Protein backbone atom coordinates (compact mmCIF):
# COMPACT_ATOMS: atom_id res chain seq x y z
CA MET A 1 122.62 126.75 80.70
CA LYS A 2 123.27 124.36 83.23
CA GLN A 3 124.72 121.14 82.38
CA LEU A 4 121.57 118.75 82.48
CA LEU A 5 123.58 115.12 82.36
CA LEU A 6 126.61 114.85 84.50
CA ARG A 7 129.60 112.14 84.39
CA ALA A 8 130.53 110.23 87.42
CA SER A 9 133.63 112.42 87.91
CA GLU A 10 131.39 115.62 88.05
CA VAL A 11 129.05 113.56 90.33
CA ALA A 12 131.70 112.96 92.55
CA GLU A 13 133.44 116.58 93.00
CA ALA A 14 129.69 118.02 93.80
CA LEU A 15 129.17 115.14 96.30
CA GLY A 16 132.63 115.56 97.72
CA VAL A 17 132.90 112.04 97.30
CA SER A 18 135.41 109.16 95.11
CA ARG A 19 134.28 108.21 91.35
CA THR A 20 134.59 104.99 92.65
CA THR A 21 131.67 106.02 95.52
CA VAL A 22 129.53 107.32 92.70
CA TRP A 23 129.66 104.11 90.47
CA ARG A 24 128.47 102.23 93.58
CA MET A 25 125.44 104.36 93.90
CA ILE A 26 124.73 104.04 90.51
CA ARG A 27 125.28 100.53 90.52
CA ASP A 28 123.27 99.77 94.17
CA GLY A 29 120.64 102.23 92.23
CA SER A 30 120.50 104.73 94.95
CA LEU A 31 121.48 107.21 92.45
CA PRO A 32 119.56 107.10 89.46
CA SER A 33 121.19 107.42 86.01
CA VAL A 34 120.50 107.37 82.43
CA LYS A 35 122.57 105.25 79.17
CA MET A 36 124.17 107.23 76.73
CA GLY A 37 125.74 105.33 74.07
CA ASP A 38 128.75 103.77 75.92
CA SER A 39 128.76 105.74 79.14
CA ARG A 40 126.15 106.57 81.85
CA ARG A 41 125.26 110.31 83.18
CA VAL A 42 123.28 111.32 86.07
CA ARG A 43 120.28 113.76 85.37
CA ARG A 44 121.48 117.14 87.46
CA GLU A 45 117.65 116.86 88.49
CA ASP A 46 118.27 113.17 90.19
CA LEU A 47 121.09 114.40 91.79
CA GLU A 48 119.71 117.17 93.54
CA ALA A 49 116.57 114.76 94.17
CA PHE A 50 119.31 112.22 95.70
CA VAL A 51 120.94 114.97 98.27
CA ARG A 52 117.40 116.57 99.24
CA GLY A 53 116.51 112.67 100.02
CA LEU A 54 119.74 112.31 102.80
CA ALA A 55 118.69 112.43 106.30
CA PRO A 56 120.45 115.22 108.22
CA SER A 57 122.95 113.61 110.59
CA PRO A 58 122.02 113.94 114.20
CA LYS A 59 123.46 117.07 116.33
CA SER A 60 126.59 115.96 118.26
CA SER A 61 126.76 117.29 121.91
CA ASP A 62 129.22 119.52 121.15
CA GLU A 63 126.96 121.34 118.56
CA GLU A 64 124.41 121.20 120.75
CA ALA A 65 126.21 123.01 123.79
CA ALA A 66 127.50 125.77 121.08
């Protein structure tokens, strides 16, 4: 069974960013989280929705030439 709730370090690893960046996204509300006791977790489905909502970056002229 897939883990349903992820720690900030697990989210950071999945996204390829630092834990500080994950905590910043949680704090500013761009990445929803839930409180469990004294800790915060990110629901797997919220992380997946966050990634789906990211806008693709525009193609650079180098990519268009390929």
